[in-house]
Amino acid sequence: MQTEKSSSTVNDSNPEFKKKIEEQMGALVMFNIHHISHLFAKKGNRELAKSGFSLLLEQLPVLFVVNASDALCSQQDIANHLQKDKAGIQRSIQTLVRDGYLRITVDSTDRRKNLIQLTPAGKMVVEKVIETAQGLDKLVTDRLEPQEVETLTRLLKKVALILEA
């Protein structure tokens, strides 16, 4: 037998609603990791916006792959490294090109292949992101005991290994 639910709208500020969500999801590791990831992204995006950068943390892996590469990367190289579909990477690249962080050049040996490189603004934003990430990391780790930081890091790496297997 189904119970009927009222048709009122969800009220995020309702303490009972928050308590119910916490009871349902709070004990699940997956949701806790997602929640923390979301909070880091939200705070990081705010910090980047304050610094005048028009991008989101979700776009950063593309910039970091291009920055770390010793040679020019193709869109396919980036997609393969990030384990994402080429169409999604292409959209991110187009946005980053439009915003002046990346430049696309055609490969001289294979004209079907686009090569991606950072612009000076792209290099600057990567440096700012590293600085922002270090600041957010410090904000958290300064409030934890060194043993807690070590344990947290070890457990997160262990979870990653389990999920990558």
N, C-alpha and C. Protein backbone atom coordinates (compact mmCIF):
# COMPACT_ATOMS: atom_id res chain seq x y z
N MET A 1 0.83 -1.18 0.00
CA MET A 1 0.00 0.00 0.00
C MET A 1 0.88 1.24 0.00
N GLN A 2 0.61 2.14 -0.91
CA GLN A 2 1.39 3.37 -1.00
C GLN A 2 0.82 4.44 -0.09
N THR A 3 1.76 5.20 0.48
CA THR A 3 1.30 6.34 1.27
C THR A 3 1.30 7.56 0.38
N GLU A 4 0.34 8.40 0.61
CA GLU A 4 0.26 9.61 -0.21
C GLU A 4 1.18 10.67 0.34
N LYS A 5 1.77 11.42 -0.59
CA LYS A 5 2.64 12.53 -0.21
C LYS A 5 1.91 13.82 -0.50
N SER A 6 2.21 14.81 0.29
CA SER A 6 1.58 16.11 0.04
C SER A 6 2.23 16.74 -1.19
N SER A 7 1.54 17.64 -1.78
CA SER A 7 2.03 18.27 -3.01
C SER A 7 2.73 19.60 -2.73
N SER A 8 3.16 19.82 -1.51
CA SER A 8 3.85 21.08 -1.21
C SER A 8 5.25 21.05 -1.83
N THR A 9 5.82 22.21 -2.02
CA THR A 9 7.15 22.30 -2.62
C THR A 9 8.21 21.98 -1.57
N VAL A 10 9.37 21.55 -2.05
CA VAL A 10 10.49 21.23 -1.18
C VAL A 10 11.03 22.52 -0.60
N ASN A 11 11.25 22.52 0.70
CA ASN A 11 11.78 23.70 1.38
C ASN A 11 13.12 23.32 2.00
N ASP A 12 14.21 23.73 1.34
CA ASP A 12 15.55 23.39 1.81
C ASP A 12 15.86 23.94 3.19
N SER A 13 15.16 24.98 3.61
CA SER A 13 15.44 25.57 4.92
C SER A 13 14.66 24.88 6.04
N ASN A 14 13.81 23.94 5.68
CA ASN A 14 13.03 23.20 6.66
C ASN A 14 13.95 22.22 7.38
N PRO A 15 14.14 22.36 8.69
CA PRO A 15 15.04 21.47 9.43
C PRO A 15 14.64 20.00 9.36
N GLU A 16 13.35 19.72 9.32
CA GLU A 16 12.89 18.33 9.24
C GLU A 16 13.29 17.70 7.90
N PHE A 17 13.18 18.49 6.83
CA PHE A 17 13.56 18.01 5.50
C PHE A 17 15.06 17.72 5.48
N LYS A 18 15.86 18.64 6.01
CA LYS A 18 17.31 18.44 6.04
C LYS A 18 17.68 17.21 6.87
N LYS A 19 16.99 17.01 7.98
CA LYS A 19 17.25 15.87 8.85
C LYS A 19 16.94 14.56 8.11
N LYS A 20 15.85 14.53 7.37
CA LYS A 20 15.45 13.34 6.64
C LYS A 20 16.48 13.00 5.55
N ILE A 21 16.94 14.02 4.84
CA ILE A 21 17.97 13.81 3.81
C ILE A 21 19.24 13.28 4.46
N GLU A 22 19.64 13.88 5.57
CA GLU A 22 20.85 13.45 6.28
C GLU A 22 20.72 12.00 6.73
N GLU A 23 19.56 11.62 7.22
CA GLU A 23 19.35 10.23 7.66
C GLU A 23 19.45 9.27 6.48
N GLN A 24 18.94 9.66 5.33
CA GLN A 24 18.94 8.78 4.17
C GLN A 24 20.31 8.68 3.52
N MET A 25 21.03 9.79 3.44
CA MET A 25 22.27 9.81 2.68
C MET A 25 23.53 9.99 3.52
N GLY A 26 23.40 10.51 4.71
CA GLY A 26 24.56 10.88 5.51
C GLY A 26 25.50 9.75 5.85
N ALA A 27 25.00 8.54 5.91
CA ALA A 27 25.86 7.41 6.27
C ALA A 27 26.53 6.78 5.05
N LEU A 28 26.19 7.24 3.86
CA LEU A 28 26.75 6.65 2.64
C LEU A 28 28.03 7.40 2.25
N VAL A 29 29.12 6.66 2.13
CA VAL A 29 30.42 7.26 1.78
C VAL A 29 30.31 8.01 0.45
N MET A 30 29.66 7.41 -0.51
CA MET A 30 29.55 8.01 -1.84
C MET A 30 28.94 9.42 -1.77
N PHE A 31 27.88 9.58 -1.03
CA PHE A 31 27.23 10.88 -0.94
C PHE A 31 28.05 11.88 -0.15
N ASN A 32 28.75 11.42 0.87
CA ASN A 32 29.62 12.33 1.62
C ASN A 32 30.77 12.85 0.76
N ILE A 33 31.38 11.97 -0.01
CA ILE A 33 32.46 12.39 -0.90
C ILE A 33 31.92 13.35 -1.95
N HIS A 34 30.76 13.03 -2.51
CA HIS A 34 30.16 13.92 -3.51
C HIS A 34 29.86 15.30 -2.90
N HIS A 35 29.32 15.30 -1.70
CA HIS A 35 28.98 16.57 -1.03
C HIS A 35 30.24 17.42 -0.81
N ILE A 36 31.29 16.80 -0.33
CA ILE A 36 32.55 17.55 -0.10
C ILE A 36 33.11 18.04 -1.43
N SER A 37 33.07 17.21 -2.45
CA SER A 37 33.54 17.62 -3.78
C SER A 37 32.75 18.83 -4.28
N HIS A 38 31.44 18.78 -4.08
CA HIS A 38 30.57 19.89 -4.49
C HIS A 38 30.94 21.18 -3.73
N LEU A 39 31.19 21.05 -2.42
CA LEU A 39 31.55 22.23 -1.62
C LEU A 39 32.89 22.83 -2.07
N PHE A 40 33.86 21.96 -2.36
CA PHE A 40 35.15 22.45 -2.86
C PHE A 40 34.96 23.17 -4.20
N ALA A 41 34.18 22.57 -5.10
CA ALA A 41 33.96 23.18 -6.42
C ALA A 41 33.26 24.53 -6.28
N LYS A 42 32.25 24.59 -5.43
CA LYS A 42 31.49 25.82 -5.22
C LYS A 42 32.41 26.94 -4.69
N LYS A 43 33.21 26.60 -3.68
CA LYS A 43 34.11 27.59 -3.09
C LYS A 43 35.21 27.97 -4.09
N GLY A 44 35.74 26.98 -4.80
CA GLY A 44 36.76 27.25 -5.82
C GLY A 44 36.25 28.14 -6.93
N ASN A 45 35.03 27.85 -7.41
CA ASN A 45 34.42 28.68 -8.46
C ASN A 45 34.25 30.12 -7.99
N ARG A 46 33.83 30.28 -6.73
CA ARG A 46 33.67 31.62 -6.16
C ARG A 46 34.99 32.38 -6.13
N GLU A 47 36.05 31.68 -5.71
CA GLU A 47 37.38 32.29 -5.63
C GLU A 47 37.88 32.68 -7.02
N LEU A 48 37.68 31.82 -8.01
CA LEU A 48 38.10 32.14 -9.38
C LEU A 48 37.32 33.33 -9.92
N ALA A 49 36.03 33.38 -9.66
CA ALA A 49 35.21 34.50 -10.12
C ALA A 49 35.67 35.80 -9.47
N LYS A 50 36.02 35.75 -8.16
CA LYS A 50 36.52 36.94 -7.48
C LYS A 50 37.80 37.45 -8.13
N SER A 51 38.59 36.51 -8.65
CA SER A 51 39.86 36.88 -9.30
C SER A 51 39.66 37.32 -10.74
N GLY A 52 38.42 37.27 -11.22
CA GLY A 52 38.12 37.74 -12.57
C GLY A 52 38.24 36.69 -13.66
N PHE A 53 38.32 35.41 -13.31
CA PHE A 53 38.43 34.36 -14.31
C PHE A 53 37.05 33.82 -14.65
N SER A 54 36.78 33.72 -15.95
CA SER A 54 35.47 33.28 -16.41
C SER A 54 35.47 31.80 -16.75
N LEU A 55 35.76 30.97 -15.78
CA LEU A 55 35.70 29.54 -16.01
C LEU A 55 35.30 28.84 -14.73
N LEU A 56 34.95 27.58 -14.88
CA LEU A 56 34.50 26.77 -13.75
C LEU A 56 35.53 25.68 -13.48
N LEU A 57 35.58 25.22 -12.25
CA LEU A 57 36.52 24.16 -11.88
C LEU A 57 36.36 22.93 -12.77
N GLU A 58 35.15 22.69 -13.25
CA GLU A 58 34.89 21.53 -14.09
C GLU A 58 35.65 21.59 -15.41
N GLN A 59 36.05 22.79 -15.84
CA GLN A 59 36.80 22.95 -17.09
C GLN A 59 38.31 22.80 -16.89
N LEU A 60 38.74 22.80 -15.65
CA LEU A 60 40.17 22.83 -15.36
C LEU A 60 40.95 21.58 -15.77
N PRO A 61 40.38 20.38 -15.69
CA PRO A 61 41.18 19.23 -16.11
C PRO A 61 41.74 19.37 -17.52
N VAL A 62 40.98 19.96 -18.43
CA VAL A 62 41.47 20.16 -19.80
C VAL A 62 42.70 21.07 -19.77
N LEU A 63 42.62 22.18 -19.04
CA LEU A 63 43.76 23.09 -18.95
C LEU A 63 44.98 22.41 -18.33
N PHE A 64 44.75 21.60 -17.30
CA PHE A 64 45.85 20.94 -16.62
C PHE A 64 46.52 19.88 -17.50
N VAL A 65 45.75 19.15 -18.29
CA VAL A 65 46.34 18.17 -19.21
C VAL A 65 47.20 18.88 -20.25
N VAL A 66 46.68 19.95 -20.82
CA VAL A 66 47.45 20.70 -21.83
C VAL A 66 48.70 21.30 -21.19
N ASN A 67 48.57 21.83 -19.99
CA ASN A 67 49.71 22.44 -19.30
C ASN A 67 50.79 21.41 -18.97
N ALA A 68 50.39 20.20 -18.60
CA ALA A 68 51.35 19.17 -18.18
C ALA A 68 52.03 18.48 -19.36
N SER A 69 51.45 18.59 -20.53
CA SER A 69 51.98 17.87 -21.68
C SER A 69 53.25 18.55 -22.21
N ASP A 70 54.24 17.70 -22.54
CA ASP A 70 55.48 18.23 -23.12
C ASP A 70 55.31 18.61 -24.58
N ALA A 71 54.33 18.02 -25.23
CA ALA A 71 54.05 18.31 -26.64
C ALA A 71 52.64 18.85 -26.76
N LEU A 72 52.28 19.32 -27.94
CA LEU A 72 50.91 19.76 -28.16
C LEU A 72 49.98 18.56 -28.10
N CYS A 73 48.82 18.75 -27.51
CA CYS A 73 47.83 17.67 -27.36
C CYS A 73 46.76 17.79 -28.43
N SER A 74 46.26 16.64 -28.87
CA SER A 74 45.08 16.66 -29.72
C SER A 74 43.86 16.56 -28.81
N GLN A 75 42.71 16.88 -29.37
CA GLN A 75 41.47 16.75 -28.60
C GLN A 75 41.28 15.30 -28.15
N GLN A 76 41.64 14.35 -29.00
CA GLN A 76 41.51 12.94 -28.67
C GLN A 76 42.46 12.56 -27.53
N ASP A 77 43.69 13.10 -27.55
CA ASP A 77 44.63 12.84 -26.45
C ASP A 77 44.04 13.28 -25.12
N ILE A 78 43.45 14.46 -25.11
CA ILE A 78 42.85 15.01 -23.87
C ILE A 78 41.68 14.14 -23.43
N ALA A 79 40.82 13.78 -24.37
CA ALA A 79 39.66 12.93 -24.05
C ALA A 79 40.12 11.58 -23.49
N ASN A 80 41.14 10.99 -24.10
CA ASN A 80 41.65 9.70 -23.63
C ASN A 80 42.22 9.83 -22.22
N HIS A 81 43.01 10.85 -21.99
CA HIS A 81 43.63 11.01 -20.68
C HIS A 81 42.59 11.23 -19.58
N LEU A 82 41.57 12.03 -19.87
CA LEU A 82 40.54 12.34 -18.88
C LEU A 82 39.43 11.30 -18.83
N GLN A 83 39.49 10.32 -19.74
CA GLN A 83 38.48 9.28 -19.84
C GLN A 83 37.08 9.88 -20.01
N LYS A 84 37.00 10.82 -20.92
CA LYS A 84 35.72 11.48 -21.23
C LYS A 84 35.50 11.36 -22.74
N ASP A 85 34.25 11.55 -23.16
CA ASP A 85 33.97 11.46 -24.58
C ASP A 85 34.51 12.69 -25.31
N LYS A 86 34.88 12.47 -26.56
CA LYS A 86 35.51 13.53 -27.36
C LYS A 86 34.57 14.73 -27.54
N ALA A 87 33.27 14.49 -27.67
CA ALA A 87 32.32 15.59 -27.86
C ALA A 87 32.28 16.51 -26.65
N GLY A 88 32.29 15.93 -25.46
CA GLY A 88 32.30 16.75 -24.23
C GLY A 88 33.57 17.56 -24.11
N ILE A 89 34.70 16.93 -24.44
CA ILE A 89 35.99 17.64 -24.40
C ILE A 89 35.99 18.76 -25.44
N GLN A 90 35.44 18.48 -26.59
CA GLN A 90 35.38 19.48 -27.66
C GLN A 90 34.58 20.72 -27.20
N ARG A 91 33.47 20.50 -26.49
CA ARG A 91 32.69 21.63 -25.99
C ARG A 91 33.49 22.44 -24.97
N SER A 92 34.18 21.75 -24.07
CA SER A 92 35.01 22.45 -23.08
C SER A 92 36.11 23.25 -23.78
N ILE A 93 36.74 22.63 -24.76
CA ILE A 93 37.82 23.31 -25.50
C ILE A 93 37.27 24.55 -26.20
N GLN A 94 36.13 24.43 -26.86
CA GLN A 94 35.55 25.58 -27.55
C GLN A 94 35.28 26.73 -26.59
N THR A 95 34.76 26.42 -25.40
CA THR A 95 34.51 27.45 -24.40
C THR A 95 35.82 28.08 -23.95
N LEU A 96 36.84 27.27 -23.70
CA LEU A 96 38.13 27.77 -23.24
C LEU A 96 38.84 28.57 -24.33
N VAL A 97 38.63 28.21 -25.60
CA VAL A 97 39.17 29.01 -26.72
C VAL A 97 38.45 30.35 -26.78
N ARG A 98 37.12 30.30 -26.70
CA ARG A 98 36.32 31.53 -26.73
C ARG A 98 36.72 32.50 -25.62
N ASP A 99 37.03 31.94 -24.45
CA ASP A 99 37.38 32.78 -23.31
C ASP A 99 38.87 33.17 -23.29
N GLY A 100 39.62 32.69 -24.29
CA GLY A 100 41.01 33.12 -24.44
C GLY A 100 42.04 32.32 -23.66
N TYR A 101 41.68 31.14 -23.16
CA TYR A 101 42.61 30.33 -22.36
C TYR A 101 43.36 29.28 -23.20
N LEU A 102 42.77 28.88 -24.33
CA LEU A 102 43.39 27.90 -25.21
C LEU A 102 43.43 28.43 -26.64
N ARG A 103 44.34 27.86 -27.42
CA ARG A 103 44.45 28.16 -28.85
C ARG A 103 44.46 26.81 -29.58
N ILE A 104 43.76 26.75 -30.71
CA ILE A 104 43.74 25.54 -31.54
C ILE A 104 44.54 25.80 -32.80
N THR A 105 45.44 24.86 -33.12
CA THR A 105 46.17 24.92 -34.38
C THR A 105 45.98 23.58 -35.10
N VAL A 106 46.07 23.61 -36.42
CA VAL A 106 45.92 22.39 -37.20
C VAL A 106 47.29 21.71 -37.28
N ASP A 107 47.30 20.39 -37.08
CA ASP A 107 48.53 19.61 -37.16
C ASP A 107 49.07 19.67 -38.58
N SER A 108 50.35 20.02 -38.72
CA SER A 108 50.94 20.16 -40.06
C SER A 108 51.10 18.82 -40.77
N THR A 109 51.18 17.72 -40.04
CA THR A 109 51.33 16.41 -40.67
C THR A 109 50.00 15.69 -40.89
N ASP A 110 48.99 16.04 -40.11
CA ASP A 110 47.67 15.44 -40.26
C ASP A 110 46.63 16.54 -40.10
N ARG A 111 46.19 17.10 -41.22
CA ARG A 111 45.32 18.27 -41.20
C ARG A 111 43.95 17.98 -40.58
N ARG A 112 43.63 16.71 -40.33
CA ARG A 112 42.36 16.38 -39.68
C ARG A 112 42.45 16.56 -38.17
N LYS A 113 43.65 16.70 -37.66
CA LYS A 113 43.88 16.72 -36.21
C LYS A 113 44.09 18.16 -35.73
N ASN A 114 43.34 18.55 -34.70
CA ASN A 114 43.52 19.85 -34.06
C ASN A 114 44.45 19.68 -32.86
N LEU A 115 45.41 20.57 -32.74
CA LEU A 115 46.33 20.56 -31.61
C LEU A 115 45.99 21.72 -30.68
N ILE A 116 46.07 21.47 -29.41
CA ILE A 116 45.62 22.43 -28.40
C ILE A 116 46.82 22.93 -27.62
N GLN A 117 46.86 24.24 -27.41
CA GLN A 117 47.91 24.81 -26.56
C GLN A 117 47.34 25.92 -25.69
N LEU A 118 48.02 26.15 -24.57
CA LEU A 118 47.62 27.22 -23.66
C LEU A 118 48.03 28.57 -24.23
N THR A 119 47.21 29.56 -24.01
CA THR A 119 47.58 30.95 -24.29
C THR A 119 48.26 31.49 -23.04
N PRO A 120 48.85 32.69 -23.11
CA PRO A 120 49.39 33.29 -21.87
C PRO A 120 48.33 33.41 -20.77
N ALA A 121 47.09 33.73 -21.16
CA ALA A 121 46.01 33.81 -20.16
C ALA A 121 45.72 32.43 -19.57
N GLY A 122 45.82 31.39 -20.39
CA GLY A 122 45.62 30.02 -19.91
C GLY A 122 46.69 29.62 -18.92
N LYS A 123 47.94 30.01 -19.20
CA LYS A 123 49.04 29.70 -18.26
C LYS A 123 48.81 30.44 -16.94
N MET A 124 48.36 31.68 -17.03
CA MET A 124 48.11 32.46 -15.83
C MET A 124 46.98 31.85 -15.00
N VAL A 125 45.93 31.39 -15.65
CA VAL A 125 44.80 30.82 -14.91
C VAL A 125 45.20 29.50 -14.25
N VAL A 126 46.05 28.70 -14.90
CA VAL A 126 46.51 27.46 -14.28
C VAL A 126 47.28 27.79 -13.00
N GLU A 127 48.14 28.81 -13.06
CA GLU A 127 48.88 29.22 -11.86
C GLU A 127 47.93 29.70 -10.77
N LYS A 128 46.91 30.47 -11.13
CA LYS A 128 45.94 30.97 -10.16
C LYS A 128 45.13 29.82 -9.56
N VAL A 129 44.79 28.85 -10.37
CA VAL A 129 44.02 27.71 -9.88
C VAL A 129 44.84 26.91 -8.88
N ILE A 130 46.11 26.71 -9.18
CA ILE A 130 46.98 26.00 -8.24
C ILE A 130 47.04 26.75 -6.92
N GLU A 131 47.18 28.07 -7.01
CA GLU A 131 47.20 28.92 -5.81
C GLU A 131 45.87 28.81 -5.04
N THR A 132 44.76 28.85 -5.75
CA THR A 132 43.43 28.74 -5.14
C THR A 132 43.26 27.38 -4.47
N ALA A 133 43.66 26.32 -5.18
CA ALA A 133 43.53 24.96 -4.63
C ALA A 133 44.39 24.81 -3.38
N GLN A 134 45.58 25.37 -3.40
CA GLN A 134 46.44 25.31 -2.22
C GLN A 134 45.81 26.06 -1.05
N GLY A 135 45.17 27.19 -1.35
CA GLY A 135 44.48 27.96 -0.30
C GLY A 135 43.31 27.20 0.30
N LEU A 136 42.52 26.55 -0.55
CA LEU A 136 41.39 25.76 -0.06
C LEU A 136 41.88 24.56 0.74
N ASP A 137 42.95 23.94 0.24
CA ASP A 137 43.53 22.81 0.95
C ASP A 137 44.01 23.24 2.34
N LYS A 138 44.67 24.38 2.39
CA LYS A 138 45.18 24.91 3.66
C LYS A 138 44.02 25.25 4.60
N LEU A 139 42.95 25.82 4.07
CA LEU A 139 41.77 26.15 4.87
C LEU A 139 41.27 24.91 5.62
N VAL A 140 41.26 23.79 4.93
CA VAL A 140 40.77 22.55 5.54
C VAL A 140 41.83 21.92 6.43
N THR A 141 43.03 21.75 5.90
CA THR A 141 44.06 21.02 6.66
C THR A 141 44.53 21.76 7.90
N ASP A 142 44.44 23.08 7.91
CA ASP A 142 44.82 23.84 9.10
C ASP A 142 43.88 23.55 10.28
N ARG A 143 42.69 23.08 9.98
CA ARG A 143 41.71 22.80 11.03
C ARG A 143 41.66 21.32 11.42
N LEU A 144 42.55 20.55 10.84
CA LEU A 144 42.65 19.13 11.16
C LEU A 144 44.01 18.86 11.79
N GLU A 145 44.07 17.82 12.59
CA GLU A 145 45.34 17.39 13.15
C GLU A 145 46.16 16.73 12.03
N PRO A 146 47.49 16.82 12.08
CA PRO A 146 48.32 16.18 11.04
C PRO A 146 47.96 14.70 10.84
N GLN A 147 47.68 13.99 11.90
CA GLN A 147 47.30 12.58 11.82
C GLN A 147 45.98 12.43 11.04
N GLU A 148 45.05 13.35 11.25
CA GLU A 148 43.76 13.30 10.53
C GLU A 148 43.97 13.54 9.04
N VAL A 149 44.85 14.49 8.70
CA VAL A 149 45.15 14.79 7.29
C VAL A 149 45.75 13.55 6.63
N GLU A 150 46.69 12.92 7.31
CA GLU A 150 47.33 11.71 6.78
C GLU A 150 46.31 10.59 6.59
N THR A 151 45.46 10.40 7.57
CA THR A 151 44.43 9.35 7.49
C THR A 151 43.44 9.65 6.38
N LEU A 152 42.98 10.88 6.29
CA LEU A 152 42.03 11.27 5.25
C LEU A 152 42.63 11.03 3.87
N THR A 153 43.85 11.48 3.67
CA THR A 153 44.51 11.31 2.37
C THR A 153 44.67 9.84 2.03
N ARG A 154 45.11 9.04 2.99
CA ARG A 154 45.30 7.61 2.78
C ARG A 154 43.97 6.94 2.42
N LEU A 155 42.91 7.29 3.13
CA LEU A 155 41.60 6.67 2.87
C LEU A 155 41.04 7.09 1.52
N LEU A 156 41.20 8.35 1.15
CA LEU A 156 40.71 8.79 -0.17
C LEU A 156 41.46 8.08 -1.29
N LYS A 157 42.77 7.90 -1.14
CA LYS A 157 43.54 7.17 -2.15
C LYS A 157 43.09 5.71 -2.22
N LYS A 158 42.79 5.13 -1.07
CA LYS A 158 42.33 3.75 -1.03
C LYS A 158 40.97 3.61 -1.74
N VAL A 159 40.06 4.54 -1.47
CA VAL A 159 38.75 4.52 -2.14
C VAL A 159 38.94 4.65 -3.65
N ALA A 160 39.84 5.54 -4.08
CA ALA A 160 40.09 5.72 -5.52
C ALA A 160 40.59 4.41 -6.14
N LEU A 161 41.52 3.75 -5.47
CA LEU A 161 42.03 2.47 -5.97
C LEU A 161 40.93 1.42 -6.09
N ILE A 162 40.07 1.37 -5.10
CA ILE A 162 38.96 0.40 -5.12
C ILE A 162 38.06 0.68 -6.32
N LEU A 163 37.73 1.94 -6.54
CA LEU A 163 36.81 2.29 -7.63
C LEU A 163 37.45 2.18 -9.00
N GLU A 164 38.77 2.34 -9.08
CA GLU A 164 39.46 2.24 -10.37
C GLU A 164 39.66 0.79 -10.79
N ALA A 165 39.55 -0.14 -9.83
CA ALA A 165 39.80 -1.57 -10.13
C ALA A 165 38.69 -2.17 -10.97
